[in-house]
């Protein structure tokens, strides 16, 4: 019989909290093409970063159980703004409890150079200057593992002292032994990084594997 530890009990509790928290309707409120269009700082923000076509929009849709909330595409580089999503409803003081931010994908070399430059500047400015940003979830395609561009984002987050956690995506595309090997290699790759949260979440938006674990991780980041 598997051992039940306080940590496992707490994570199970957070899963329940997360399912309830994400159980309502969500809505898109704003696309931010540059820093001057950012909404005023209000609720805590959780951001999703990753290489182009890593599955950010699909994972946000799975997390909120709202198909089509974040626009998905097979064309890398589709997300060109910071896209903000919040729960629907009337909240005390008019401020929702959380905002999700879908960030532009990085590492897509085929986009026009000026476009890539604008995306990069927007990402860096946001990560360095947003005081309501609680955690960044950096998505890693399980088929490819950590790439050079990912390491550059890790460097930036470490320098800015922004908490981040790695999320493996598309785990349905690889076999279980390869996944376990990738998990170990990924944890080893961030072991000495000061701002990295020392745990990873393995997910598939195709079959919802790990989505409840991600909800619990978000609740943990919010200290709920």
C-alpha atoms as a PDB file:
ATOM      1  CA  UNK A   1       0.000   0.000   0.000  1.00  0.00           C
ATOM      2  CA  UNK A   2       1.516   3.396  -1.007  1.00  0.00           C
ATOM      3  CA  UNK A   3       2.665   5.500   1.920  1.00  0.00           C
ATOM      4  CA  UNK A   4       0.525   8.537   2.688  1.00  0.00           C
ATOM      5  CA  UNK A   5       2.687  11.491   3.687  1.00  0.00           C
ATOM      6  CA  UNK A   6       1.698  15.003   4.810  1.00  0.00           C
ATOM      7  CA  UNK A   7       3.035  16.305   1.494  1.00  0.00           C
ATOM      8  CA  UNK A   8       0.820  13.930  -0.485  1.00  0.00           C
ATOM      9  CA  UNK A   9      -2.215  14.844   1.616  1.00  0.00           C
ATOM     10  CA  UNK A  10      -1.567  18.545   1.078  1.00  0.00           C
ATOM     11  CA  UNK A  11      -1.169  18.078  -2.670  1.00  0.00           C
ATOM     12  CA  UNK A  12      -4.435  16.121  -2.754  1.00  0.00           C
ATOM     13  CA  UNK A  13      -6.109  19.015  -0.924  1.00  0.00           C
ATOM     14  CA  UNK A  14      -4.690  21.499  -3.413  1.00  0.00           C
ATOM     15  CA  UNK A  15      -6.028  19.399  -6.285  1.00  0.00           C
ATOM     16  CA  UNK A  16      -9.518  19.713  -4.812  1.00  0.00           C
ATOM     17  CA  UNK A  17      -9.097  23.458  -4.324  1.00  0.00           C
ATOM     18  CA  UNK A  18      -7.795  23.776  -7.877  1.00  0.00           C
ATOM     19  CA  UNK A  19     -10.685  21.860  -9.426  1.00  0.00           C
ATOM     20  CA  UNK A  20     -13.143  24.142  -7.633  1.00  0.00           C
ATOM     21  CA  UNK A  21     -11.184  27.303  -8.442  1.00  0.00           C
ATOM     22  CA  UNK A  22     -10.965  26.537 -12.158  1.00  0.00           C
ATOM     23  CA  UNK A  23     -14.480  25.098 -12.326  1.00  0.00           C
ATOM     24  CA  UNK A  24     -16.234  28.289 -13.441  1.00  0.00           C
ATOM     25  CA  UNK A  25     -16.301  30.155 -16.734  1.00  0.00           C
ATOM     26  CA  UNK A  26     -13.275  32.128 -17.931  1.00  0.00           C
ATOM     27  CA  UNK A  27     -13.022  34.991 -20.376  1.00  0.00           C
ATOM     28  CA  UNK A  28     -10.443  36.786 -22.496  1.00  0.00           C
ATOM     29  CA  UNK A  29     -10.118  40.407 -21.428  1.00  0.00           C
ATOM     30  CA  UNK A  30      -7.171  41.940 -23.264  1.00  0.00           C
ATOM     31  CA  UNK A  31      -4.347  41.435 -25.713  1.00  0.00           C
ATOM     32  CA  UNK A  32      -1.227  43.444 -24.885  1.00  0.00           C
ATOM     33  CA  UNK A  33       1.056  44.206 -27.872  1.00  0.00           C
ATOM     34  CA  UNK A  34       3.379  46.455 -25.831  1.00  0.00           C
ATOM     35  CA  UNK A  35       3.971  47.393 -22.210  1.00  0.00           C
ATOM     36  CA  UNK A  36       1.928  50.613 -22.388  1.00  0.00           C
ATOM     37  CA  UNK A  37      -1.213  48.531 -22.900  1.00  0.00           C
ATOM     38  CA  UNK A  38      -0.766  46.420 -19.774  1.00  0.00           C
ATOM     39  CA  UNK A  39      -3.778  46.493 -17.414  1.00  0.00           C
ATOM     40  CA  UNK A  40      -3.239  48.148 -14.074  1.00  0.00           C
ATOM     41  CA  UNK A  41      -1.702  45.807 -11.526  1.00  0.00           C
ATOM     42  CA  UNK A  42      -4.490  44.150  -9.577  1.00  0.00           C
ATOM     43  CA  UNK A  43      -4.962  40.409  -9.082  1.00  0.00           C
ATOM     44  CA  UNK A  44      -2.012  38.025  -8.855  1.00  0.00           C
ATOM     45  CA  UNK A  45      -0.862  36.839 -12.275  1.00  0.00           C
ATOM     46  CA  UNK A  46       0.276  33.425 -13.443  1.00  0.00           C
ATOM     47  CA  UNK A  47       2.059  33.446 -16.801  1.00  0.00           C
ATOM     48  CA  UNK A  48       2.734  30.700 -19.320  1.00  0.00           C
ATOM     49  CA  UNK A  49       5.918  30.863 -21.376  1.00  0.00           C
ATOM     50  CA  UNK A  50       7.483  28.471 -23.843  1.00  0.00           C
ATOM     51  CA  UNK A  51       8.858  27.911 -27.301  1.00  0.00           C
ATOM     52  CA  UNK A  52       6.509  28.480 -30.223  1.00  0.00           C
ATOM     53  CA  UNK A  53       4.107  25.589 -30.764  1.00  0.00           C
ATOM     54  CA  UNK A  54       4.843  24.065 -27.345  1.00  0.00           C
ATOM     55  CA  UNK A  55       1.123  23.944 -26.562  1.00  0.00           C
ATOM     56  CA  UNK A  56       0.564  26.942 -24.279  1.00  0.00           C
ATOM     57  CA  UNK A  57      -2.860  27.870 -25.606  1.00  0.00           C
ATOM     58  CA  UNK A  58      -4.059  24.261 -25.602  1.00  0.00           C
ATOM     59  CA  UNK A  59      -2.930  23.821 -22.002  1.00  0.00           C
ATOM     60  CA  UNK A  60      -4.686  27.016 -20.887  1.00  0.00           C
ATOM     61  CA  UNK A  61      -7.872  25.755 -22.531  1.00  0.00           C
ATOM     62  CA  UNK A  62      -7.513  22.431 -20.703  1.00  0.00           C
ATOM     63  CA  UNK A  63      -6.703  24.147 -17.392  1.00  0.00           C
ATOM     64  CA  UNK A  64      -9.821  26.323 -17.542  1.00  0.00           C
ATOM     65  CA  UNK A  65     -11.975  23.640 -19.211  1.00  0.00           C
ATOM     66  CA  UNK A  66     -12.952  26.320 -21.720  1.00  0.00           C
ATOM     67  CA  UNK A  67     -12.403  25.126 -25.311  1.00  0.00           C
ATOM     68  CA  UNK A  68     -11.404  27.980 -27.583  1.00  0.00           C
ATOM     69  CA  UNK A  69     -10.590  30.401 -24.744  1.00  0.00           C
ATOM     70  CA  UNK A  70      -6.993  30.750 -25.893  1.00  0.00           C
ATOM     71  CA  UNK A  71      -6.599  30.623 -29.663  1.00  0.00           C
ATOM     72  CA  UNK A  72      -4.678  27.585 -30.833  1.00  0.00           C
ATOM     73  CA  UNK A  73      -2.937  27.019 -34.125  1.00  0.00           C
ATOM     74  CA  UNK A  74      -0.580  24.574 -35.813  1.00  0.00           C
ATOM     75  CA  UNK A  75       1.283  27.608 -37.115  1.00  0.00           C
ATOM     76  CA  UNK A  76       4.191  28.519 -34.793  1.00  0.00           C
ATOM     77  CA  UNK A  77       4.202  32.133 -33.650  1.00  0.00           C
ATOM     78  CA  UNK A  78       0.420  32.642 -33.681  1.00  0.00           C
ATOM     79  CA  UNK A  79       0.363  34.281 -30.234  1.00  0.00           C
ATOM     80  CA  UNK A  80       1.969  37.709 -30.712  1.00  0.00           C
ATOM     81  CA  UNK A  81       0.689  39.491 -27.595  1.00  0.00           C
ATOM     82  CA  UNK A  82       0.352  38.978 -23.871  1.00  0.00           C
ATOM     83  CA  UNK A  83      -3.180  37.573 -23.719  1.00  0.00           C
ATOM     84  CA  UNK A  84      -5.039  38.024 -20.419  1.00  0.00           C
ATOM     85  CA  UNK A  85      -7.755  35.684 -19.121  1.00  0.00           C
ATOM     86  CA  UNK A  86      -9.768  35.978 -15.897  1.00  0.00           C
ATOM     87  CA  UNK A  87     -12.696  34.112 -14.299  1.00  0.00           C
ATOM     88  CA  UNK A  88     -16.118  35.447 -15.177  1.00  0.00           C
ATOM     89  CA  UNK A  89     -18.204  36.896 -12.340  1.00  0.00           C
ATOM     90  CA  UNK A  90     -18.676  39.774  -9.937  1.00  0.00           C
ATOM     91  CA  UNK A  91     -15.853  40.008  -7.431  1.00  0.00           C
ATOM     92  CA  UNK A  92     -15.357  42.015  -4.270  1.00  0.00           C
ATOM     93  CA  UNK A  93     -13.894  45.350  -5.267  1.00  0.00           C
ATOM     94  CA  UNK A  94     -14.283  44.332  -8.899  1.00  0.00           C
ATOM     95  CA  UNK A  95     -10.919  42.515  -8.810  1.00  0.00           C
ATOM     96  CA  UNK A  96     -10.815  38.844  -9.889  1.00  0.00           C
ATOM     97  CA  UNK A  97      -8.741  36.412  -7.792  1.00  0.00           C
ATOM     98  CA  UNK A  98      -6.325  35.581 -10.594  1.00  0.00           C
ATOM     99  CA  UNK A  99      -5.294  36.478 -14.138  1.00  0.00           C
ATOM    100  CA  UNK A 100      -3.742  33.968 -16.523  1.00  0.00           C
ATOM    101  CA  UNK A 101      -1.306  35.361 -19.073  1.00  0.00           C
ATOM    102  CA  UNK A 102      -0.511  33.555 -22.325  1.00  0.00           C
ATOM    103  CA  UNK A 103       2.849  34.907 -23.474  1.00  0.00           C
ATOM    104  CA  UNK A 104       4.187  35.024 -27.051  1.00  0.00           C
ATOM    105  CA  UNK A 105       6.159  31.946 -27.967  1.00  0.00           C
ATOM    106  CA  UNK A 106       9.906  32.339 -28.286  1.00  0.00           C
ATOM    107  CA  UNK A 107      12.469  30.620 -30.465  1.00  0.00           C
ATOM    108  CA  UNK A 108      10.579  30.786 -33.766  1.00  0.00           C
ATOM    109  CA  UNK A 109      13.330  31.785 -36.153  1.00  0.00           C
ATOM    110  CA  UNK A 110      11.164  31.942 -39.317  1.00  0.00           C
ATOM    111  CA  UNK A 111       9.180  34.980 -38.154  1.00  0.00           C
ATOM    112  CA  UNK A 112      10.332  38.374 -39.491  1.00  0.00           C
ATOM    113  CA  UNK A 113      13.286  39.653 -37.491  1.00  0.00           C
ATOM    114  CA  UNK A 114      11.520  42.846 -36.369  1.00  0.00           C
ATOM    115  CA  UNK A 115       8.529  40.813 -35.165  1.00  0.00           C
ATOM    116  CA  UNK A 116      10.765  38.461 -33.189  1.00  0.00           C
ATOM    117  CA  UNK A 117      12.529  41.491 -31.716  1.00  0.00           C
ATOM    118  CA  UNK A 118       9.254  43.028 -30.583  1.00  0.00           C
ATOM    119  CA  UNK A 119       8.062  39.777 -29.023  1.00  0.00           C
ATOM    120  CA  UNK A 120      11.364  39.310 -27.215  1.00  0.00           C
ATOM    121  CA  UNK A 121      11.347  42.860 -25.857  1.00  0.00           C
ATOM    122  CA  UNK A 122       7.751  42.466 -24.658  1.00  0.00           C
ATOM    123  CA  UNK A 123       8.509  39.171 -22.892  1.00  0.00           C
ATOM    124  CA  UNK A 124      11.629  40.508 -21.178  1.00  0.00           C
ATOM    125  CA  UNK A 125       9.985  43.773 -20.103  1.00  0.00           C
ATOM    126  CA  UNK A 126       6.976  41.974 -18.672  1.00  0.00           C
ATOM    127  CA  UNK A 127       9.001  39.415 -16.732  1.00  0.00           C
ATOM    128  CA  UNK A 128      11.292  42.033 -15.226  1.00  0.00           C
ATOM    129  CA  UNK A 129       8.717  44.617 -14.259  1.00  0.00           C
ATOM    130  CA  UNK A 130       5.427  43.016 -13.178  1.00  0.00           C
ATOM    131  CA  UNK A 131       5.141  43.007  -9.389  1.00  0.00           C
ATOM    132  CA  UNK A 132       1.858  41.040  -9.376  1.00  0.00           C
ATOM    133  CA  UNK A 133       3.461  38.149 -11.255  1.00  0.00           C
ATOM    134  CA  UNK A 134       3.464  35.199  -8.832  1.00  0.00           C
ATOM    135  CA  UNK A 135       4.935  32.487 -11.009  1.00  0.00           C
ATOM    136  CA  UNK A 136       5.830  31.682 -14.589  1.00  0.00           C
ATOM    137  CA  UNK A 137       5.134  28.210 -15.902  1.00  0.00           C
ATOM    138  CA  UNK A 138       7.732  27.470 -18.561  1.00  0.00           C
ATOM    139  CA  UNK A 139       6.421  24.803 -20.909  1.00  0.00           C
ATOM    140  CA  UNK A 140       8.811  22.226 -22.353  1.00  0.00           C
ATOM    141  CA  UNK A 141       7.817  19.933 -25.225  1.00  0.00           C
ATOM    142  CA  UNK A 142       8.354  16.386 -23.931  1.00  0.00           C
ATOM    143  CA  UNK A 143       9.478  15.273 -27.387  1.00  0.00           C
ATOM    144  CA  UNK A 144      12.436  17.674 -27.372  1.00  0.00           C
ATOM    145  CA  UNK A 145      13.375  18.527 -23.775  1.00  0.00           C
ATOM    146  CA  UNK A 146      15.130  21.721 -22.699  1.00  0.00           C
ATOM    147  CA  UNK A 147      16.579  23.742 -25.590  1.00  0.00           C
ATOM    148  CA  UNK A 148      18.982  26.696 -25.708  1.00  0.00           C
ATOM    149  CA  UNK A 149      16.133  29.245 -25.897  1.00  0.00           C
ATOM    150  CA  UNK A 150      14.611  27.748 -22.753  1.00  0.00           C
ATOM    151  CA  UNK A 151      17.908  28.183 -20.937  1.00  0.00           C
ATOM    152  CA  UNK A 152      17.978  31.854 -21.911  1.00  0.00           C
ATOM    153  CA  UNK A 153      14.522  32.337 -20.363  1.00  0.00           C
ATOM    154  CA  UNK A 154      15.688  30.506 -17.225  1.00  0.00           C
ATOM    155  CA  UNK A 155      18.654  32.905 -17.029  1.00  0.00           C
ATOM    156  CA  UNK A 156      16.346  35.910 -17.277  1.00  0.00           C
ATOM    157  CA  UNK A 157      13.951  34.579 -14.640  1.00  0.00           C
ATOM    158  CA  UNK A 158      16.821  33.761 -12.285  1.00  0.00           C
ATOM    159  CA  UNK A 159      18.278  37.240 -12.754  1.00  0.00           C
ATOM    160  CA  UNK A 160      14.911  38.898 -12.146  1.00  0.00           C
ATOM    161  CA  UNK A 161      14.205  36.584  -9.168  1.00  0.00           C
ATOM    162  CA  UNK A 162      10.856  35.547 -10.673  1.00  0.00           C
ATOM    163  CA  UNK A 163       9.645  32.167  -9.460  1.00  0.00           C
ATOM    164  CA  UNK A 164       9.153  29.661 -12.267  1.00  0.00           C
ATOM    165  CA  UNK A 165       8.191  26.028 -12.631  1.00  0.00           C
ATOM    166  CA  UNK A 166       8.680  23.711 -15.594  1.00  0.00           C
ATOM    167  CA  UNK A 167       5.728  21.963 -17.211  1.00  0.00           C
ATOM    168  CA  UNK A 168       6.259  19.130 -19.673  1.00  0.00           C
ATOM    169  CA  UNK A 169       3.688  19.141 -22.476  1.00  0.00           C
ATOM    170  CA  UNK A 170       2.572  16.536 -25.016  1.00  0.00           C
ATOM    171  CA  UNK A 171       3.624  13.616 -22.821  1.00  0.00           C
ATOM    172  CA  UNK A 172       1.160  11.425 -24.732  1.00  0.00           C
ATOM    173  CA  UNK A 173       3.628  11.598 -27.629  1.00  0.00           C
ATOM    174  CA  UNK A 174       6.404   9.671 -25.846  1.00  0.00           C
ATOM    175  CA  UNK A 175       6.575   6.304 -24.095  1.00  0.00           C
ATOM    176  CA  UNK A 176       6.543   5.998 -20.261  1.00  0.00           C
ATOM    177  CA  UNK A 177      10.217   4.967 -19.896  1.00  0.00           C
ATOM    178  CA  UNK A 178      11.303   7.938 -22.000  1.00  0.00           C
ATOM    179  CA  UNK A 179       9.084  10.211 -19.902  1.00  0.00           C
ATOM    180  CA  UNK A 180      10.652   9.053 -16.644  1.00  0.00           C
ATOM    181  CA  UNK A 181      14.123   9.609 -18.073  1.00  0.00           C
ATOM    182  CA  UNK A 182      13.099  13.076 -19.268  1.00  0.00           C
ATOM    183  CA  UNK A 183      11.687  13.981 -15.848  1.00  0.00           C
ATOM    184  CA  UNK A 184      14.990  13.131 -14.170  1.00  0.00           C
ATOM    185  CA  UNK A 185      17.022  15.004 -16.779  1.00  0.00           C
ATOM    186  CA  UNK A 186      14.751  18.050 -16.511  1.00  0.00           C
ATOM    187  CA  UNK A 187      15.025  18.182 -12.722  1.00  0.00           C
ATOM    188  CA  UNK A 188      18.801  17.821 -12.983  1.00  0.00           C
ATOM    189  CA  UNK A 189      18.838  20.679 -15.499  1.00  0.00           C
ATOM    190  CA  UNK A 190      17.280  23.153 -13.054  1.00  0.00           C
ATOM    191  CA  UNK A 191      18.752  21.828  -9.801  1.00  0.00           C
ATOM    192  CA  UNK A 192      21.136  24.768  -9.330  1.00  0.00           C
ATOM    193  CA  UNK A 193      18.874  27.515 -10.657  1.00  0.00           C
ATOM    194  CA  UNK A 194      17.873  29.848  -7.799  1.00  0.00           C
ATOM    195  CA  UNK A 195      14.397  30.868  -8.994  1.00  0.00           C
ATOM    196  CA  UNK A 196      13.297  27.456 -10.278  1.00  0.00           C
ATOM    197  CA  UNK A 197      10.675  25.604  -8.238  1.00  0.00           C
ATOM    198  CA  UNK A 198      12.144  22.133  -7.564  1.00  0.00           C
ATOM    199  CA  UNK A 199       9.318  20.083  -9.076  1.00  0.00           C
ATOM    200  CA  UNK A 200       7.935  19.577 -12.554  1.00  0.00           C
ATOM    201  CA  UNK A 201       4.440  18.895 -13.850  1.00  0.00           C
ATOM    202  CA  UNK A 202       3.926  16.446 -16.718  1.00  0.00           C
ATOM    203  CA  UNK A 203       0.859  17.121 -18.851  1.00  0.00           C
ATOM    204  CA  UNK A 204      -1.050  16.324 -21.992  1.00  0.00           C
ATOM    205  CA  UNK A 205      -3.826  18.670 -23.066  1.00  0.00           C
ATOM    206  CA  UNK A 206      -4.860  15.959 -25.550  1.00  0.00           C
ATOM    207  CA  UNK A 207      -6.105  13.634 -22.797  1.00  0.00           C
ATOM    208  CA  UNK A 208      -6.007  15.952 -19.742  1.00  0.00           C
ATOM    209  CA  UNK A 209      -3.206  14.002 -18.075  1.00  0.00           C
ATOM    210  CA  UNK A 210      -1.604  16.085 -15.322  1.00  0.00           C
ATOM    211  CA  UNK A 211      -4.048  18.992 -15.665  1.00  0.00           C
ATOM    212  CA  UNK A 212      -5.268  18.556 -12.073  1.00  0.00           C
ATOM    213  CA  UNK A 213      -1.615  18.478 -10.966  1.00  0.00           C
ATOM    214  CA  UNK A 214      -1.089  21.813 -12.728  1.00  0.00           C
ATOM    215  CA  UNK A 215      -4.162  23.260 -10.993  1.00  0.00           C
ATOM    216  CA  UNK A 216      -2.700  22.173  -7.656  1.00  0.00           C
ATOM    217  CA  UNK A 217       0.660  23.733  -8.574  1.00  0.00           C
ATOM    218  CA  UNK A 218      -1.072  27.043  -9.340  1.00  0.00           C
ATOM    219  CA  UNK A 219      -2.905  26.916  -6.006  1.00  0.00           C
ATOM    220  CA  UNK A 220       0.438  26.249  -4.314  1.00  0.00           C
ATOM    221  CA  UNK A 221       1.961  29.274  -6.055  1.00  0.00           C
ATOM    222  CA  UNK A 222      -0.938  31.388  -4.788  1.00  0.00           C
ATOM    223  CA  UNK A 223      -0.532  29.929  -1.265  1.00  0.00           C
ATOM    224  CA  UNK A 224      -4.173  28.826  -1.147  1.00  0.00           C
END
